[in-house]
């Protein structure tokens, strides 16, 4: 189990590295992080683009308080509601490992399009349904690990690190995407894919995972897509 956790944590960091590599420099930008958590990665995103202002949305107040201590202006709000910013007012929108928890993905992407300035950039990252560990799970008759069937317990994959875990209500995944589905849904809501890649490649360590995702972008563990406003 500890080995599985190390592999998973390494893949998560590979995903964060890929997000940062996907972002262009935009000195002085206003950055909005949707689901910013404690703000640690929000700060890294801000440093990457050269942000002048960091904004965030985070529902869990304990995490929001830590993010505020890092200099982020955080709204404690539901992502299912209208975002409290004007149209075309944000230079950079970022959201990592959030969209899979949402039933209202249309509203989420529509709001990203609404607040994003022309010439701005939005990066969304999420689990990849087409990753090899999910394909293999299906071939074995197991539930793909990011595809949850219950709001109360994780079941269906005996190799899953969280198999049998309970008490995570509200943190379960509701919608899992392939790269094509995510790109097409974003385009439907006025966002054009500029860059797309995958990150992490179970069970490979980071250096080999980077090589693998260059050779086989379709089957990496996480999706990373950068959008601009569709003309």
C-alpha atoms as a PDB file:
ATOM      1  CA  UNK A   1       0.000   0.000   0.000  1.00  0.00           C
ATOM      2  CA  UNK A   2       2.848   2.402   0.772  1.00  0.00           C
ATOM      3  CA  UNK A   3       4.345   1.670  -2.667  1.00  0.00           C
ATOM      4  CA  UNK A   4       0.996   2.428  -4.337  1.00  0.00           C
ATOM      5  CA  UNK A   5       0.742   5.671  -2.396  1.00  0.00           C
ATOM      6  CA  UNK A   6       4.271   6.713  -3.415  1.00  0.00           C
ATOM      7  CA  UNK A   7       3.472   5.985  -7.068  1.00  0.00           C
ATOM      8  CA  UNK A   8       0.236   7.965  -6.834  1.00  0.00           C
ATOM      9  CA  UNK A   9       1.887  10.950  -5.122  1.00  0.00           C
ATOM     10  CA  UNK A  10       4.667  10.971  -7.716  1.00  0.00           C
ATOM     11  CA  UNK A  11       2.072  10.969 -10.517  1.00  0.00           C
ATOM     12  CA  UNK A  12       0.241  13.853  -8.835  1.00  0.00           C
ATOM     13  CA  UNK A  13       3.450  15.902  -8.768  1.00  0.00           C
ATOM     14  CA  UNK A  14       4.114  15.009 -12.406  1.00  0.00           C
ATOM     15  CA  UNK A  15       0.660  16.376 -13.162  1.00  0.00           C
ATOM     16  CA  UNK A  16       1.417  19.617 -11.337  1.00  0.00           C
ATOM     17  CA  UNK A  17       4.696  19.899 -13.235  1.00  0.00           C
ATOM     18  CA  UNK A  18       2.841  19.412 -16.524  1.00  0.00           C
ATOM     19  CA  UNK A  19       0.311  22.104 -15.591  1.00  0.00           C
ATOM     20  CA  UNK A  20       3.085  24.604 -14.910  1.00  0.00           C
ATOM     21  CA  UNK A  21       4.811  23.719 -18.188  1.00  0.00           C
ATOM     22  CA  UNK A  22       1.532  24.279 -20.052  1.00  0.00           C
ATOM     23  CA  UNK A  23       1.058  27.827 -18.739  1.00  0.00           C
ATOM     24  CA  UNK A  24       2.585  30.770 -20.607  1.00  0.00           C
ATOM     25  CA  UNK A  25       4.199  33.690 -18.806  1.00  0.00           C
ATOM     26  CA  UNK A  26       1.768  36.568 -18.365  1.00  0.00           C
ATOM     27  CA  UNK A  27       3.395  39.151 -16.054  1.00  0.00           C
ATOM     28  CA  UNK A  28       0.977  41.079 -13.860  1.00  0.00           C
ATOM     29  CA  UNK A  29      -1.878  38.687 -14.600  1.00  0.00           C
ATOM     30  CA  UNK A  30      -4.899  38.159 -12.403  1.00  0.00           C
ATOM     31  CA  UNK A  31      -5.002  34.409 -11.663  1.00  0.00           C
ATOM     32  CA  UNK A  32      -8.145  32.609 -10.513  1.00  0.00           C
ATOM     33  CA  UNK A  33      -7.828  29.097  -9.041  1.00  0.00           C
ATOM     34  CA  UNK A  34     -11.120  27.195  -8.914  1.00  0.00           C
ATOM     35  CA  UNK A  35     -10.862  24.765  -6.017  1.00  0.00           C
ATOM     36  CA  UNK A  36      -7.644  26.245  -4.667  1.00  0.00           C
ATOM     37  CA  UNK A  37      -7.434  24.123  -1.501  1.00  0.00           C
ATOM     38  CA  UNK A  38      -4.781  25.467   0.858  1.00  0.00           C
ATOM     39  CA  UNK A  39      -3.290  27.590  -1.916  1.00  0.00           C
ATOM     40  CA  UNK A  40       0.130  25.915  -2.052  1.00  0.00           C
ATOM     41  CA  UNK A  41      -0.144  25.079  -5.749  1.00  0.00           C
ATOM     42  CA  UNK A  42      -1.972  28.327  -6.500  1.00  0.00           C
ATOM     43  CA  UNK A  43       1.178  30.143  -5.418  1.00  0.00           C
ATOM     44  CA  UNK A  44       3.256  27.992  -7.772  1.00  0.00           C
ATOM     45  CA  UNK A  45       0.883  28.799 -10.642  1.00  0.00           C
ATOM     46  CA  UNK A  46       1.160  32.484  -9.816  1.00  0.00           C
ATOM     47  CA  UNK A  47       4.950  32.323  -9.792  1.00  0.00           C
ATOM     48  CA  UNK A  48       4.963  30.529 -13.139  1.00  0.00           C
ATOM     49  CA  UNK A  49       2.862  33.161 -14.939  1.00  0.00           C
ATOM     50  CA  UNK A  50       4.243  36.161 -13.016  1.00  0.00           C
ATOM     51  CA  UNK A  51       0.884  36.996 -11.468  1.00  0.00           C
ATOM     52  CA  UNK A  52       0.057  40.370 -10.024  1.00  0.00           C
ATOM     53  CA  UNK A  53      -2.992  39.093  -8.130  1.00  0.00           C
ATOM     54  CA  UNK A  54      -4.118  35.664  -6.907  1.00  0.00           C
ATOM     55  CA  UNK A  55      -7.812  34.791  -6.505  1.00  0.00           C
ATOM     56  CA  UNK A  56      -9.342  31.510  -5.405  1.00  0.00           C
ATOM     57  CA  UNK A  57     -12.575  29.670  -4.765  1.00  0.00           C
ATOM     58  CA  UNK A  58     -12.589  27.088  -1.967  1.00  0.00           C
ATOM     59  CA  UNK A  59     -15.594  25.671  -0.125  1.00  0.00           C
ATOM     60  CA  UNK A  60     -13.713  24.115   2.809  1.00  0.00           C
ATOM     61  CA  UNK A  61     -13.141  26.996   5.189  1.00  0.00           C
ATOM     62  CA  UNK A  62     -10.086  25.499   6.939  1.00  0.00           C
ATOM     63  CA  UNK A  63      -8.275  25.205   3.607  1.00  0.00           C
ATOM     64  CA  UNK A  64      -9.487  28.642   2.503  1.00  0.00           C
ATOM     65  CA  UNK A  65      -8.021  30.193   5.663  1.00  0.00           C
ATOM     66  CA  UNK A  66      -4.598  28.707   4.921  1.00  0.00           C
ATOM     67  CA  UNK A  67      -4.817  29.934   1.323  1.00  0.00           C
ATOM     68  CA  UNK A  68      -5.612  33.458   2.558  1.00  0.00           C
ATOM     69  CA  UNK A  69      -2.534  33.339   4.787  1.00  0.00           C
ATOM     70  CA  UNK A  70      -0.538  32.763   1.582  1.00  0.00           C
ATOM     71  CA  UNK A  71      -1.817  36.016   0.098  1.00  0.00           C
ATOM     72  CA  UNK A  72      -4.663  34.608  -1.987  1.00  0.00           C
ATOM     73  CA  UNK A  73      -7.999  36.438  -2.087  1.00  0.00           C
ATOM     74  CA  UNK A  74     -10.321  33.464  -1.526  1.00  0.00           C
ATOM     75  CA  UNK A  75     -14.088  33.301  -1.924  1.00  0.00           C
ATOM     76  CA  UNK A  76     -15.806  30.552   0.084  1.00  0.00           C
ATOM     77  CA  UNK A  77     -18.360  29.657  -2.574  1.00  0.00           C
ATOM     78  CA  UNK A  78     -20.001  26.753  -4.371  1.00  0.00           C
ATOM     79  CA  UNK A  79     -18.718  26.225  -7.899  1.00  0.00           C
ATOM     80  CA  UNK A  80     -22.279  25.479  -8.965  1.00  0.00           C
ATOM     81  CA  UNK A  81     -23.106  29.154  -8.496  1.00  0.00           C
ATOM     82  CA  UNK A  82     -22.210  32.152 -10.669  1.00  0.00           C
ATOM     83  CA  UNK A  83     -18.631  33.205  -9.979  1.00  0.00           C
ATOM     84  CA  UNK A  84     -18.377  36.587  -8.235  1.00  0.00           C
ATOM     85  CA  UNK A  85     -16.271  38.210 -10.968  1.00  0.00           C
ATOM     86  CA  UNK A  86     -17.221  40.256 -14.017  1.00  0.00           C
ATOM     87  CA  UNK A  87     -17.223  39.009 -17.585  1.00  0.00           C
ATOM     88  CA  UNK A  88     -13.771  38.931 -19.211  1.00  0.00           C
ATOM     89  CA  UNK A  89     -12.054  40.024 -15.991  1.00  0.00           C
ATOM     90  CA  UNK A  90      -9.560  37.179 -15.411  1.00  0.00           C
ATOM     91  CA  UNK A  91      -6.273  36.622 -17.263  1.00  0.00           C
ATOM     92  CA  UNK A  92      -5.545  33.074 -16.095  1.00  0.00           C
ATOM     93  CA  UNK A  93      -7.987  30.452 -14.808  1.00  0.00           C
ATOM     94  CA  UNK A  94      -6.662  27.256 -13.265  1.00  0.00           C
ATOM     95  CA  UNK A  95      -8.457  24.197 -11.914  1.00  0.00           C
ATOM     96  CA  UNK A  96      -6.768  20.936 -10.971  1.00  0.00           C
ATOM     97  CA  UNK A  97      -8.612  17.761  -9.902  1.00  0.00           C
ATOM     98  CA  UNK A  98     -11.940  19.534  -9.459  1.00  0.00           C
ATOM     99  CA  UNK A  99     -14.148  19.008 -12.525  1.00  0.00           C
ATOM    100  CA  UNK A 100     -14.428  15.264 -11.853  1.00  0.00           C
ATOM    101  CA  UNK A 101     -16.236  16.048  -8.594  1.00  0.00           C
ATOM    102  CA  UNK A 102     -18.892  18.172 -10.301  1.00  0.00           C
ATOM    103  CA  UNK A 103     -22.239  17.146 -11.763  1.00  0.00           C
ATOM    104  CA  UNK A 104     -22.664  20.612 -13.315  1.00  0.00           C
ATOM    105  CA  UNK A 105     -19.724  20.496 -15.710  1.00  0.00           C
ATOM    106  CA  UNK A 106     -21.555  22.606 -18.308  1.00  0.00           C
ATOM    107  CA  UNK A 107     -22.017  25.455 -15.837  1.00  0.00           C
ATOM    108  CA  UNK A 108     -18.406  25.131 -14.691  1.00  0.00           C
ATOM    109  CA  UNK A 109     -16.929  25.454 -18.180  1.00  0.00           C
ATOM    110  CA  UNK A 110     -19.420  28.148 -19.147  1.00  0.00           C
ATOM    111  CA  UNK A 111     -18.343  30.219 -16.155  1.00  0.00           C
ATOM    112  CA  UNK A 112     -14.657  29.764 -17.035  1.00  0.00           C
ATOM    113  CA  UNK A 113     -15.452  31.078 -20.525  1.00  0.00           C
ATOM    114  CA  UNK A 114     -17.453  33.997 -19.118  1.00  0.00           C
ATOM    115  CA  UNK A 115     -14.753  35.332 -16.780  1.00  0.00           C
ATOM    116  CA  UNK A 116     -11.749  34.614 -19.039  1.00  0.00           C
ATOM    117  CA  UNK A 117     -10.404  37.594 -20.947  1.00  0.00           C
ATOM    118  CA  UNK A 118      -9.743  37.334 -24.697  1.00  0.00           C
ATOM    119  CA  UNK A 119      -6.054  36.499 -24.950  1.00  0.00           C
ATOM    120  CA  UNK A 120      -6.137  34.849 -21.524  1.00  0.00           C
ATOM    121  CA  UNK A 121      -5.510  31.198 -20.747  1.00  0.00           C
ATOM    122  CA  UNK A 122      -7.411  28.584 -18.784  1.00  0.00           C
ATOM    123  CA  UNK A 123      -5.899  25.261 -17.688  1.00  0.00           C
ATOM    124  CA  UNK A 124      -8.041  22.349 -16.515  1.00  0.00           C
ATOM    125  CA  UNK A 125      -6.584  19.052 -15.316  1.00  0.00           C
ATOM    126  CA  UNK A 126      -8.427  15.896 -14.332  1.00  0.00           C
ATOM    127  CA  UNK A 127      -8.201  12.101 -14.341  1.00  0.00           C
ATOM    128  CA  UNK A 128      -7.891  10.396 -17.724  1.00  0.00           C
ATOM    129  CA  UNK A 129     -10.523   7.722 -18.283  1.00  0.00           C
ATOM    130  CA  UNK A 130      -8.418   6.307 -21.141  1.00  0.00           C
ATOM    131  CA  UNK A 131      -5.273   5.804 -19.031  1.00  0.00           C
ATOM    132  CA  UNK A 132      -3.812   2.308 -19.152  1.00  0.00           C
ATOM    133  CA  UNK A 133      -4.531   1.569 -15.502  1.00  0.00           C
ATOM    134  CA  UNK A 134      -8.224   2.201 -16.197  1.00  0.00           C
ATOM    135  CA  UNK A 135      -8.200   0.192 -19.437  1.00  0.00           C
ATOM    136  CA  UNK A 136      -6.535  -2.750 -17.665  1.00  0.00           C
ATOM    137  CA  UNK A 137      -9.006  -2.526 -14.796  1.00  0.00           C
ATOM    138  CA  UNK A 138     -11.915  -2.811 -17.220  1.00  0.00           C
ATOM    139  CA  UNK A 139     -10.260  -5.744 -18.999  1.00  0.00           C
ATOM    140  CA  UNK A 140     -10.051  -7.527 -15.622  1.00  0.00           C
ATOM    141  CA  UNK A 141     -13.693  -6.761 -14.868  1.00  0.00           C
ATOM    142  CA  UNK A 142     -12.774  -4.214 -12.180  1.00  0.00           C
ATOM    143  CA  UNK A 143     -14.060  -0.695 -11.645  1.00  0.00           C
ATOM    144  CA  UNK A 144     -11.571   1.933 -12.925  1.00  0.00           C
ATOM    145  CA  UNK A 145     -10.123   3.563  -9.810  1.00  0.00           C
ATOM    146  CA  UNK A 146     -11.273   7.153 -10.507  1.00  0.00           C
ATOM    147  CA  UNK A 147     -14.834   6.064 -11.376  1.00  0.00           C
ATOM    148  CA  UNK A 148     -16.819   5.977  -8.148  1.00  0.00           C
ATOM    149  CA  UNK A 149     -20.211   4.301  -7.888  1.00  0.00           C
ATOM    150  CA  UNK A 150     -21.141   5.389  -4.370  1.00  0.00           C
ATOM    151  CA  UNK A 151     -21.202   8.596  -2.338  1.00  0.00           C
ATOM    152  CA  UNK A 152     -20.223   6.645   0.789  1.00  0.00           C
ATOM    153  CA  UNK A 153     -17.702   3.908  -0.031  1.00  0.00           C
ATOM    154  CA  UNK A 154     -15.047   3.189  -2.683  1.00  0.00           C
ATOM    155  CA  UNK A 155     -15.554  -0.281  -4.134  1.00  0.00           C
ATOM    156  CA  UNK A 156     -14.927  -2.380  -7.222  1.00  0.00           C
ATOM    157  CA  UNK A 157     -11.139  -2.479  -7.643  1.00  0.00           C
ATOM    158  CA  UNK A 158      -9.093  -4.711  -5.299  1.00  0.00           C
ATOM    159  CA  UNK A 159      -5.861  -3.047  -6.463  1.00  0.00           C
ATOM    160  CA  UNK A 160      -7.116   0.439  -5.638  1.00  0.00           C
ATOM    161  CA  UNK A 161      -5.272   2.365  -2.932  1.00  0.00           C
ATOM    162  CA  UNK A 162      -8.577   3.648  -1.496  1.00  0.00           C
ATOM    163  CA  UNK A 163     -10.585   0.444  -1.886  1.00  0.00           C
ATOM    164  CA  UNK A 164     -13.069   0.093   0.974  1.00  0.00           C
ATOM    165  CA  UNK A 165     -12.581   3.663   2.206  1.00  0.00           C
ATOM    166  CA  UNK A 166     -15.668   5.247   3.720  1.00  0.00           C
ATOM    167  CA  UNK A 167     -16.619   8.645   5.064  1.00  0.00           C
ATOM    168  CA  UNK A 168     -15.551  10.589   1.962  1.00  0.00           C
ATOM    169  CA  UNK A 169     -19.040  11.775   1.044  1.00  0.00           C
ATOM    170  CA  UNK A 170     -18.851  14.839  -1.181  1.00  0.00           C
ATOM    171  CA  UNK A 171     -15.323  13.937  -2.341  1.00  0.00           C
ATOM    172  CA  UNK A 172     -16.299  11.181  -4.756  1.00  0.00           C
ATOM    173  CA  UNK A 173     -15.814  11.515  -8.512  1.00  0.00           C
ATOM    174  CA  UNK A 174     -18.960  12.071 -10.542  1.00  0.00           C
ATOM    175  CA  UNK A 175     -17.718  12.541 -14.127  1.00  0.00           C
ATOM    176  CA  UNK A 176     -14.526  11.150 -15.658  1.00  0.00           C
ATOM    177  CA  UNK A 177     -13.320  12.326 -19.068  1.00  0.00           C
ATOM    178  CA  UNK A 178     -11.313  11.182 -22.025  1.00  0.00           C
ATOM    179  CA  UNK A 179      -9.205  13.886 -23.652  1.00  0.00           C
ATOM    180  CA  UNK A 180     -11.557  14.057 -26.622  1.00  0.00           C
ATOM    181  CA  UNK A 181     -14.684  14.404 -24.502  1.00  0.00           C
ATOM    182  CA  UNK A 182     -13.184  17.161 -22.367  1.00  0.00           C
ATOM    183  CA  UNK A 183     -11.940  19.083 -25.413  1.00  0.00           C
ATOM    184  CA  UNK A 184     -15.267  18.798 -27.222  1.00  0.00           C
ATOM    185  CA  UNK A 185     -17.258  19.882 -24.173  1.00  0.00           C
ATOM    186  CA  UNK A 186     -14.936  22.861 -23.652  1.00  0.00           C
ATOM    187  CA  UNK A 187     -15.354  23.874 -27.283  1.00  0.00           C
ATOM    188  CA  UNK A 188     -19.141  23.624 -26.974  1.00  0.00           C
ATOM    189  CA  UNK A 189     -18.888  26.223 -24.209  1.00  0.00           C
ATOM    190  CA  UNK A 190     -16.635  28.600 -26.157  1.00  0.00           C
ATOM    191  CA  UNK A 191     -13.168  27.416 -25.125  1.00  0.00           C
ATOM    192  CA  UNK A 192     -10.649  26.355 -27.733  1.00  0.00           C
ATOM    193  CA  UNK A 193      -7.904  23.848 -26.871  1.00  0.00           C
ATOM    194  CA  UNK A 194      -4.462  25.367 -27.403  1.00  0.00           C
ATOM    195  CA  UNK A 195      -2.354  22.704 -25.677  1.00  0.00           C
ATOM    196  CA  UNK A 196      -3.230  19.208 -24.499  1.00  0.00           C
ATOM    197  CA  UNK A 197      -1.078  16.571 -22.851  1.00  0.00           C
ATOM    198  CA  UNK A 198      -1.165  13.816 -20.267  1.00  0.00           C
ATOM    199  CA  UNK A 199       0.965  13.398 -17.152  1.00  0.00           C
ATOM    200  CA  UNK A 200       1.893  10.425 -15.005  1.00  0.00           C
ATOM    201  CA  UNK A 201       2.004   6.866 -16.317  1.00  0.00           C
ATOM    202  CA  UNK A 202       1.312   4.159 -13.762  1.00  0.00           C
ATOM    203  CA  UNK A 203       3.341   2.386 -12.452  1.00  0.00           C
ATOM    204  CA  UNK A 204       6.378   4.151 -13.936  1.00  0.00           C
ATOM    205  CA  UNK A 205       8.546   6.540 -11.879  1.00  0.00           C
ATOM    206  CA  UNK A 206       8.563  10.219 -12.918  1.00  0.00           C
ATOM    207  CA  UNK A 207      11.432  10.232 -15.429  1.00  0.00           C
ATOM    208  CA  UNK A 208      10.146   7.174 -17.276  1.00  0.00           C
ATOM    209  CA  UNK A 209       6.594   8.505 -17.039  1.00  0.00           C
ATOM    210  CA  UNK A 210       7.643  11.710 -18.815  1.00  0.00           C
ATOM    211  CA  UNK A 211       9.154   9.696 -21.650  1.00  0.00           C
ATOM    212  CA  UNK A 212       6.112   7.435 -21.839  1.00  0.00           C
ATOM    213  CA  UNK A 213       3.658  10.332 -22.071  1.00  0.00           C
ATOM    214  CA  UNK A 214       5.710  11.896 -24.857  1.00  0.00           C
ATOM    215  CA  UNK A 215       5.522   8.651 -26.818  1.00  0.00           C
ATOM    216  CA  UNK A 216       1.940   7.807 -25.851  1.00  0.00           C
ATOM    217  CA  UNK A 217      -0.042  10.916 -24.907  1.00  0.00           C
ATOM    218  CA  UNK A 218      -3.401   9.169 -25.047  1.00  0.00           C
ATOM    219  CA  UNK A 219      -2.933   6.849 -22.066  1.00  0.00           C
ATOM    220  CA  UNK A 220      -1.278   8.946 -19.321  1.00  0.00           C
ATOM    221  CA  UNK A 221      -2.866   9.078 -15.876  1.00  0.00           C
ATOM    222  CA  UNK A 222      -3.978  12.737 -15.914  1.00  0.00           C
ATOM    223  CA  UNK A 223      -5.296  15.083 -18.592  1.00  0.00           C
ATOM    224  CA  UNK A 224      -3.989  18.650 -18.887  1.00  0.00           C
ATOM    225  CA  UNK A 225      -5.670  21.025 -21.329  1.00  0.00           C
ATOM    226  CA  UNK A 226      -5.078  24.727 -21.894  1.00  0.00           C
ATOM    227  CA  UNK A 227      -7.811  26.818 -23.487  1.00  0.00           C
ATOM    228  CA  UNK A 228      -8.265  30.236 -24.972  1.00  0.00           C
ATOM    229  CA  UNK A 229     -11.478  32.052 -25.752  1.00  0.00           C
ATOM    230  CA  UNK A 230     -12.997  30.688 -28.956  1.00  0.00           C
ATOM    231  CA  UNK A 231     -13.309  33.467 -31.534  1.00  0.00           C
END
